[in-house]
Amino acid sequence: MFSQSKYKTGILFYDEIINRINIQFDDDTLYGGLDCGEFFEIKDSDHWIPVRIELGTNWFLVDEYENRLNIALHGLQIRIELNQT
């Protein structure tokens, strides 16, 4: 059986219960917490920018060119690819 990819969109927020950045999807479900090195895309005007999340003193995003992005994560619109089997 082949796996299919599906994108889900939502917003980032800091989840105090799990002590990490989480995603609240548009259907009000939660991702369950992002781990360092996870990839997703952020919305910039009318296009999507691939990034990954990392943790230093605080959580931050890194773009595909290894630039650390200086943007607030809370409320940021994102999409993430979820695999389905």
PDB file of N, CA and C in Angstrom:
ATOM      1  N   MET A   1       0.841  -1.176   0.000  1.00  0.00           N
ATOM      2  CA  MET A   1       0.000   0.000   0.000  1.00  0.00           C
ATOM      3  C   MET A   1       0.889   1.244   0.000  1.00  0.00           C
ATOM      4  N   PHE A   2       0.534   2.223  -0.802  1.00  0.00           N
ATOM      5  CA  PHE A   2       1.287   3.468  -0.883  1.00  0.00           C
ATOM      6  C   PHE A   2       0.774   4.445   0.158  1.00  0.00           C
ATOM      7  N   SER A   3       1.689   5.251   0.700  1.00  0.00           N
ATOM      8  CA  SER A   3       1.258   6.296   1.630  1.00  0.00           C
ATOM      9  C   SER A   3       0.980   7.572   0.849  1.00  0.00           C
ATOM     10  N   GLN A   4       0.027   8.326   1.316  1.00  0.00           N
ATOM     11  CA  GLN A   4      -0.326   9.594   0.704  1.00  0.00           C
ATOM     12  C   GLN A   4      -0.009  10.704   1.695  1.00  0.00           C
ATOM     13  N   SER A   5       0.404  11.845   1.170  1.00  0.00           N
ATOM     14  CA  SER A   5       0.685  12.994   2.023  1.00  0.00           C
ATOM     15  C   SER A   5      -0.524  13.904   2.064  1.00  0.00           C
ATOM     16  N   LYS A   6      -0.721  14.506   3.202  1.00  0.00           N
ATOM     17  CA  LYS A   6      -1.821  15.441   3.379  1.00  0.00           C
ATOM     18  C   LYS A   6      -1.302  16.602   4.218  1.00  0.00           C
ATOM     19  N   TYR A   7      -1.591  17.803   3.764  1.00  0.00           N
ATOM     20  CA  TYR A   7      -1.217  18.981   4.540  1.00  0.00           C
ATOM     21  C   TYR A   7      -2.383  19.387   5.433  1.00  0.00           C
ATOM     22  N   LYS A   8      -2.044  19.774   6.670  1.00  0.00           N
ATOM     23  CA  LYS A   8      -3.031  20.376   7.565  1.00  0.00           C
ATOM     24  C   LYS A   8      -2.520  21.760   7.938  1.00  0.00           C
ATOM     25  N   THR A   9      -3.431  22.703   8.040  1.00  0.00           N
ATOM     26  CA  THR A   9      -3.060  24.067   8.406  1.00  0.00           C
ATOM     27  C   THR A   9      -3.563  24.385   9.812  1.00  0.00           C
ATOM     28  N   GLY A  10      -2.874  25.331  10.439  1.00  0.00           N
ATOM     29  CA  GLY A  10      -3.250  25.749  11.777  1.00  0.00           C
ATOM     30  C   GLY A  10      -2.375  26.887  12.244  1.00  0.00           C
ATOM     31  N   ILE A  11      -2.363  27.104  13.555  1.00  0.00           N
ATOM     32  CA  ILE A  11      -1.547  28.164  14.144  1.00  0.00           C
ATOM     33  C   ILE A  11      -0.670  27.587  15.252  1.00  0.00           C
ATOM     34  N   LEU A  12       0.487  28.229  15.440  1.00  0.00           N
ATOM     35  CA  LEU A  12       1.395  27.834  16.509  1.00  0.00           C
ATOM     36  C   LEU A  12       1.009  28.509  17.819  1.00  0.00           C
ATOM     37  N   PHE A  13       1.230  27.794  18.916  1.00  0.00           N
ATOM     38  CA  PHE A  13       1.061  28.380  20.246  1.00  0.00           C
ATOM     39  C   PHE A  13       1.945  27.617  21.224  1.00  0.00           C
ATOM     40  N   TYR A  14       2.284  28.268  22.348  1.00  0.00           N
ATOM     41  CA  TYR A  14       3.055  27.592  23.381  1.00  0.00           C
ATOM     42  C   TYR A  14       2.093  26.845  24.279  1.00  0.00           C
ATOM     43  N   ASP A  15       2.260  25.552  24.371  1.00  0.00           N
ATOM     44  CA  ASP A  15       1.396  24.688  25.180  1.00  0.00           C
ATOM     45  C   ASP A  15       2.069  24.464  26.533  1.00  0.00           C
ATOM     46  N   GLU A  16       1.562  25.115  27.557  1.00  0.00           N
ATOM     47  CA  GLU A  16       2.169  25.031  28.891  1.00  0.00           C
ATOM     48  C   GLU A  16       2.047  23.641  29.501  1.00  0.00           C
ATOM     49  N   ILE A  17       1.052  22.878  29.090  1.00  0.00           N
ATOM     50  CA  ILE A  17       0.864  21.540  29.650  1.00  0.00           C
ATOM     51  C   ILE A  17       1.996  20.602  29.230  1.00  0.00           C
ATOM     52  N   ILE A  18       2.410  20.680  27.972  1.00  0.00           N
ATOM     53  CA  ILE A  18       3.479  19.798  27.488  1.00  0.00           C
ATOM     54  C   ILE A  18       4.826  20.511  27.379  1.00  0.00           C
ATOM     55  N   ASN A  19       4.835  21.805  27.701  1.00  0.00           N
ATOM     56  CA  ASN A  19       6.062  22.607  27.736  1.00  0.00           C
ATOM     57  C   ASN A  19       6.783  22.653  26.386  1.00  0.00           C
ATOM     58  N   ARG A  20       5.997  22.856  25.329  1.00  0.00           N
ATOM     59  CA  ARG A  20       6.583  22.965  23.991  1.00  0.00           C
ATOM     60  C   ARG A  20       5.623  23.679  23.055  1.00  0.00           C
ATOM     61  N   ILE A  21       6.130  24.027  21.871  1.00  0.00           N
ATOM     62  CA  ILE A  21       5.285  24.643  20.851  1.00  0.00           C
ATOM     63  C   ILE A  21       4.371  23.570  20.261  1.00  0.00           C
ATOM     64  N   ASN A  22       3.109  23.917  20.088  1.00  0.00           N
ATOM     65  CA  ASN A  22       2.118  22.993  19.563  1.00  0.00           C
ATOM     66  C   ASN A  22       1.396  23.661  18.400  1.00  0.00           C
ATOM     67  N   ILE A  23       0.592  22.897  17.682  1.00  0.00           N
ATOM     68  CA  ILE A  23      -0.212  23.420  16.583  1.00  0.00           C
ATOM     69  C   ILE A  23      -1.681  23.178  16.897  1.00  0.00           C
ATOM     70  N   GLN A  24      -2.472  24.237  16.801  1.00  0.00           N
ATOM     71  CA  GLN A  24      -3.920  24.069  16.828  1.00  0.00           C
ATOM     72  C   GLN A  24      -4.385  24.144  15.382  1.00  0.00           C
ATOM     73  N   PHE A  25      -4.866  22.998  14.880  1.00  0.00           N
ATOM     74  CA  PHE A  25      -5.297  22.933  13.495  1.00  0.00           C
ATOM     75  C   PHE A  25      -6.622  23.644  13.296  1.00  0.00           C
ATOM     76  N   ASP A  26      -6.917  23.925  12.048  1.00  0.00           N
ATOM     77  CA  ASP A  26      -8.158  24.636  11.701  1.00  0.00           C
ATOM     78  C   ASP A  26      -9.405  23.878  12.143  1.00  0.00           C
ATOM     79  N   ASP A  27      -9.296  22.550  12.306  1.00  0.00           N
ATOM     80  CA  ASP A  27     -10.444  21.760  12.766  1.00  0.00           C
ATOM     81  C   ASP A  27     -10.482  21.635  14.293  1.00  0.00           C
ATOM     82  N   ASP A  28      -9.686  22.460  14.998  1.00  0.00           N
ATOM     83  CA  ASP A  28      -9.596  22.532  16.461  1.00  0.00           C
ATOM     84  C   ASP A  28      -8.916  21.332  17.121  1.00  0.00           C
ATOM     85  N   THR A  29      -8.311  20.446  16.339  1.00  0.00           N
ATOM     86  CA  THR A  29      -7.508  19.385  16.938  1.00  0.00           C
ATOM     87  C   THR A  29      -6.100  19.915  17.181  1.00  0.00           C
ATOM     88  N   LEU A  30      -5.356  19.216  18.032  1.00  0.00           N
ATOM     89  CA  LEU A  30      -3.988  19.602  18.360  1.00  0.00           C
ATOM     90  C   LEU A  30      -3.002  18.599  17.778  1.00  0.00           C
ATOM     91  N   TYR A  31      -1.829  19.082  17.433  1.00  0.00           N
ATOM     92  CA  TYR A  31      -0.778  18.231  16.875  1.00  0.00           C
ATOM     93  C   TYR A  31      -0.170  17.316  17.928  1.00  0.00           C
ATOM     94  N   GLY A  32       0.042  17.834  19.120  1.00  0.00           N
ATOM     95  CA  GLY A  32       0.639  17.041  20.189  1.00  0.00           C
ATOM     96  C   GLY A  32       2.017  17.504  20.595  1.00  0.00           C
ATOM     97  N   GLY A  33       2.492  18.586  19.990  1.00  0.00           N
ATOM     98  CA  GLY A  33       3.787  19.154  20.348  1.00  0.00           C
ATOM     99  C   GLY A  33       4.841  18.911  19.286  1.00  0.00           C
ATOM    100  N   LEU A  34       5.533  19.966  18.933  1.00  0.00           N
ATOM    101  CA  LEU A  34       6.614  19.879  17.949  1.00  0.00           C
ATOM    102  C   LEU A  34       7.926  19.531  18.641  1.00  0.00           C
ATOM    103  N   ASP A  35       8.745  18.754  17.971  1.00  0.00           N
ATOM    104  CA  ASP A  35      10.075  18.403  18.459  1.00  0.00           C
ATOM    105  C   ASP A  35      11.126  19.194  17.687  1.00  0.00           C
ATOM    106  N   CYS A  36      12.282  19.385  18.284  1.00  0.00           N
ATOM    107  CA  CYS A  36      13.383  20.047  17.589  1.00  0.00           C
ATOM    108  C   CYS A  36      13.661  19.337  16.277  1.00  0.00           C
ATOM    109  N   GLY A  37      13.897  20.131  15.235  1.00  0.00           N
ATOM    110  CA  GLY A  37      14.214  19.569  13.935  1.00  0.00           C
ATOM    111  C   GLY A  37      13.017  19.245  13.069  1.00  0.00           C
ATOM    112  N   GLU A  38      11.806  19.417  13.588  1.00  0.00           N
ATOM    113  CA  GLU A  38      10.625  19.129  12.766  1.00  0.00           C
ATOM    114  C   GLU A  38      10.427  20.205  11.720  1.00  0.00           C
ATOM    115  N   PHE A  39      10.045  19.764  10.529  1.00  0.00           N
ATOM    116  CA  PHE A  39       9.837  20.656   9.397  1.00  0.00           C
ATOM    117  C   PHE A  39       8.363  20.938   9.172  1.00  0.00           C
ATOM    118  N   PHE A  40       8.073  22.170   8.761  1.00  0.00           N
ATOM    119  CA  PHE A  40       6.737  22.586   8.349  1.00  0.00           C
ATOM    120  C   PHE A  40       6.902  23.854   7.540  1.00  0.00           C
ATOM    121  N   GLU A  41       5.816  24.485   7.170  1.00  0.00           N
ATOM    122  CA  GLU A  41       5.888  25.710   6.373  1.00  0.00           C
ATOM    123  C   GLU A  41       5.101  26.811   7.066  1.00  0.00           C
ATOM    124  N   ILE A  42       5.601  28.055   6.944  1.00  0.00           N
ATOM    125  CA  ILE A  42       4.901  29.209   7.484  1.00  0.00           C
ATOM    126  C   ILE A  42       4.363  30.043   6.329  1.00  0.00           C
ATOM    127  N   LYS A  43       3.237  30.703   6.588  1.00  0.00           N
ATOM    128  CA  LYS A  43       2.580  31.518   5.558  1.00  0.00           C
ATOM    129  C   LYS A  43       3.182  32.923   5.564  1.00  0.00           C
ATOM    130  N   ASP A  44       3.581  33.368   4.381  1.00  0.00           N
ATOM    131  CA  ASP A  44       4.085  34.726   4.194  1.00  0.00           C
ATOM    132  C   ASP A  44       3.345  35.318   3.009  1.00  0.00           C
ATOM    133  N   SER A  45       2.423  36.205   3.281  1.00  0.00           N
ATOM    134  CA  SER A  45       1.563  36.788   2.244  1.00  0.00           C
ATOM    135  C   SER A  45       0.819  35.673   1.526  1.00  0.00           C
ATOM    136  N   ASP A  46       1.212  35.401   0.274  1.00  0.00           N
ATOM    137  CA  ASP A  46       0.475  34.397  -0.498  1.00  0.00           C
ATOM    138  C   ASP A  46       1.307  33.159  -0.829  1.00  0.00           C
ATOM    139  N   HIS A  47       2.422  32.947  -0.126  1.00  0.00           N
ATOM    140  CA  HIS A  47       3.199  31.740  -0.376  1.00  0.00           C
ATOM    141  C   HIS A  47       3.692  31.130   0.938  1.00  0.00           C
ATOM    142  N   TRP A  48       4.147  29.889   0.852  1.00  0.00           N
ATOM    143  CA  TRP A  48       4.597  29.130   2.016  1.00  0.00           C
ATOM    144  C   TRP A  48       6.118  29.027   2.015  1.00  0.00           C
ATOM    145  N   ILE A  49       6.717  29.200   3.196  1.00  0.00           N
ATOM    146  CA  ILE A  49       8.169  29.151   3.368  1.00  0.00           C
ATOM    147  C   ILE A  49       8.520  27.938   4.231  1.00  0.00           C
ATOM    148  N   PRO A  50       9.377  27.031   3.723  1.00  0.00           N
ATOM    149  CA  PRO A  50       9.769  25.876   4.533  1.00  0.00           C
ATOM    150  C   PRO A  50      10.706  26.289   5.674  1.00  0.00           C
ATOM    151  N   VAL A  51      10.423  25.765   6.855  1.00  0.00           N
ATOM    152  CA  VAL A  51      11.220  26.045   8.054  1.00  0.00           C
ATOM    153  C   VAL A  51      11.309  24.790   8.911  1.00  0.00           C
ATOM    154  N   ARG A  52      12.196  24.848   9.891  1.00  0.00           N
ATOM    155  CA  ARG A  52      12.220  23.823  10.941  1.00  0.00           C
ATOM    156  C   ARG A  52      12.273  24.536  12.280  1.00  0.00           C
ATOM    157  N   ILE A  53      11.842  23.869  13.316  1.00  0.00           N
ATOM    158  CA  ILE A  53      11.828  24.465  14.650  1.00  0.00           C
ATOM    159  C   ILE A  53      13.005  23.926  15.457  1.00  0.00           C
ATOM    160  N   GLU A  54      13.604  24.792  16.262  1.00  0.00           N
ATOM    161  CA  GLU A  54      14.730  24.429  17.118  1.00  0.00           C
ATOM    162  C   GLU A  54      14.539  25.082  18.487  1.00  0.00           C
ATOM    163  N   LEU A  55      15.293  24.590  19.450  1.00  0.00           N
ATOM    164  CA  LEU A  55      15.223  25.124  20.810  1.00  0.00           C
ATOM    165  C   LEU A  55      16.612  25.459  21.297  1.00  0.00           C
ATOM    166  N   GLY A  56      16.792  26.722  21.676  1.00  0.00           N
ATOM    167  CA  GLY A  56      18.000  27.174  22.347  1.00  0.00           C
ATOM    168  C   GLY A  56      17.534  27.629  23.721  1.00  0.00           C
ATOM    169  N   THR A  57      17.763  28.897  24.029  1.00  0.00           N
ATOM    170  CA  THR A  57      17.176  29.477  25.229  1.00  0.00           C
ATOM    171  C   THR A  57      15.662  29.541  25.069  1.00  0.00           C
ATOM    172  N   ASN A  58      15.216  29.810  23.841  1.00  0.00           N
ATOM    173  CA  ASN A  58      13.800  29.845  23.473  1.00  0.00           C
ATOM    174  C   ASN A  58      13.613  29.077  22.170  1.00  0.00           C
ATOM    175  N   TRP A  59      12.356  28.813  21.816  1.00  0.00           N
ATOM    176  CA  TRP A  59      12.039  28.188  20.541  1.00  0.00           C
ATOM    177  C   TRP A  59      12.252  29.196  19.419  1.00  0.00           C
ATOM    178  N   PHE A  60      12.774  28.731  18.281  1.00  0.00           N
ATOM    179  CA  PHE A  60      12.965  29.605  17.127  1.00  0.00           C
ATOM    180  C   PHE A  60      12.858  28.791  15.845  1.00  0.00           C
ATOM    181  N   LEU A  61      12.719  29.489  14.714  1.00  0.00           N
ATOM    182  CA  LEU A  61      12.618  28.853  13.405  1.00  0.00           C
ATOM    183  C   LEU A  61      13.880  29.097  12.598  1.00  0.00           C
ATOM    184  N   VAL A  62      14.209  28.125  11.743  1.00  0.00           N
ATOM    185  CA  VAL A  62      15.347  28.210  10.844  1.00  0.00           C
ATOM    186  C   VAL A  62      14.828  27.972   9.434  1.00  0.00           C
ATOM    187  N   ASP A  63      15.240  28.832   8.484  1.00  0.00           N
ATOM    188  CA  ASP A  63      14.766  28.654   7.109  1.00  0.00           C
ATOM    189  C   ASP A  63      15.651  27.656   6.361  1.00  0.00           C
ATOM    190  N   GLU A  64      15.327  27.418   5.100  1.00  0.00           N
ATOM    191  CA  GLU A  64      16.040  26.421   4.308  1.00  0.00           C
ATOM    192  C   GLU A  64      17.494  26.800   4.027  1.00  0.00           C
ATOM    193  N   TYR A  65      17.867  28.060   4.281  1.00  0.00           N
ATOM    194  CA  TYR A  65      19.239  28.517   4.085  1.00  0.00           C
ATOM    195  C   TYR A  65      20.015  28.574   5.392  1.00  0.00           C
ATOM    196  N   GLU A  66      19.446  27.979   6.444  1.00  0.00           N
ATOM    197  CA  GLU A  66      20.040  27.923   7.779  1.00  0.00           C
ATOM    198  C   GLU A  66      20.061  29.271   8.484  1.00  0.00           C
ATOM    199  N   ASN A  67      19.187  30.204   8.069  1.00  0.00           N
ATOM    200  CA  ASN A  67      19.062  31.491   8.743  1.00  0.00           C
ATOM    201  C   ASN A  67      18.067  31.372   9.883  1.00  0.00           C
ATOM    202  N   ARG A  68      18.459  31.868  11.036  1.00  0.00           N
ATOM    203  CA  ARG A  68      17.539  31.912  12.172  1.00  0.00           C
ATOM    204  C   ARG A  68      16.561  33.063  11.944  1.00  0.00           C
ATOM    205  N   LEU A  69      15.261  32.769  12.005  1.00  0.00           N
ATOM    206  CA  LEU A  69      14.242  33.782  11.748  1.00  0.00           C
ATOM    207  C   LEU A  69      13.844  34.472  13.044  1.00  0.00           C
ATOM    208  N   ASN A  70      13.827  35.775  13.005  1.00  0.00           N
ATOM    209  CA  ASN A  70      13.476  36.565  14.181  1.00  0.00           C
ATOM    210  C   ASN A  70      12.000  36.961  14.086  1.00  0.00           C
ATOM    211  N   ILE A  71      11.122  35.992  14.304  1.00  0.00           N
ATOM    212  CA  ILE A  71       9.682  36.243  14.251  1.00  0.00           C
ATOM    213  C   ILE A  71       9.012  35.591  15.450  1.00  0.00           C
ATOM    214  N   ALA A  72       7.912  36.190  15.884  1.00  0.00           N
ATOM    215  CA  ALA A  72       7.135  35.633  16.994  1.00  0.00           C
ATOM    216  C   ALA A  72       6.424  34.371  16.516  1.00  0.00           C
ATOM    217  N   LEU A  73       6.468  33.323  17.316  1.00  0.00           N
ATOM    218  CA  LEU A  73       5.853  32.056  16.925  1.00  0.00           C
ATOM    219  C   LEU A  73       4.369  31.996  17.256  1.00  0.00           C
ATOM    220  N   HIS A  74       3.964  32.610  18.370  1.00  0.00           N
ATOM    221  CA  HIS A  74       2.569  32.526  18.808  1.00  0.00           C
ATOM    222  C   HIS A  74       1.629  33.126  17.748  1.00  0.00           C
ATOM    223  N   GLY A  75       0.683  32.320  17.295  1.00  0.00           N
ATOM    224  CA  GLY A  75      -0.308  32.789  16.333  1.00  0.00           C
ATOM    225  C   GLY A  75       0.132  32.713  14.885  1.00  0.00           C
ATOM    226  N   LEU A  76       1.338  32.205  14.632  1.00  0.00           N
ATOM    227  CA  LEU A  76       1.849  32.110  13.273  1.00  0.00           C
ATOM    228  C   LEU A  76       1.083  31.041  12.497  1.00  0.00           C
ATOM    229  N   GLN A  77       0.631  31.383  11.287  1.00  0.00           N
ATOM    230  CA  GLN A  77      -0.099  30.432  10.456  1.00  0.00           C
ATOM    231  C   GLN A  77       0.885  29.473   9.796  1.00  0.00           C
ATOM    232  N   ILE A  78       0.607  28.170   9.904  1.00  0.00           N
ATOM    233  CA  ILE A  78       1.514  27.160   9.374  1.00  0.00           C
ATOM    234  C   ILE A  78       0.736  26.080   8.627  1.00  0.00           C
ATOM    235  N   ARG A  79       1.481  25.264   7.897  1.00  0.00           N
ATOM    236  CA  ARG A  79       0.936  24.006   7.382  1.00  0.00           C
ATOM    237  C   ARG A  79       2.017  22.953   7.550  1.00  0.00           C
ATOM    238  N   ILE A  80       1.588  21.743   7.821  1.00  0.00           N
ATOM    239  CA  ILE A  80       2.508  20.641   8.054  1.00  0.00           C
ATOM    240  C   ILE A  80       2.022  19.434   7.265  1.00  0.00           C
ATOM    241  N   GLU A  81       2.967  18.680   6.741  1.00  0.00           N
ATOM    242  CA  GLU A  81       2.627  17.501   5.963  1.00  0.00           C
ATOM    243  C   GLU A  81       2.474  16.301   6.897  1.00  0.00           C
ATOM    244  N   LEU A  82       1.327  15.668   6.803  1.00  0.00           N
ATOM    245  CA  LEU A  82       1.052  14.470   7.594  1.00  0.00           C
ATOM    246  C   LEU A  82       0.952  13.299   6.636  1.00  0.00           C
ATOM    247  N   ASN A  83       1.618  12.206   6.963  1.00  0.00           N
ATOM    248  CA  ASN A  83       1.564  11.021   6.110  1.00  0.00           C
ATOM    249  C   ASN A  83       0.387  10.146   6.513  1.00  0.00           C
ATOM    250  N   GLN A  84      -0.281   9.612   5.521  1.00  0.00           N
ATOM    251  CA  GLN A  84      -1.382   8.694   5.744  1.00  0.00           C
ATOM    252  C   GLN A  84      -1.067   7.391   5.044  1.00  0.00           C
ATOM    253  N   THR A  85      -1.409   6.289   5.660  1.00  0.00           N
ATOM    254  CA  THR A  85      -1.187   4.997   5.013  1.00  0.00           C
ATOM    255  C   THR A  85      -2.499   4.398   4.591  1.00  0.00           C
TER     256      THR A  85
END
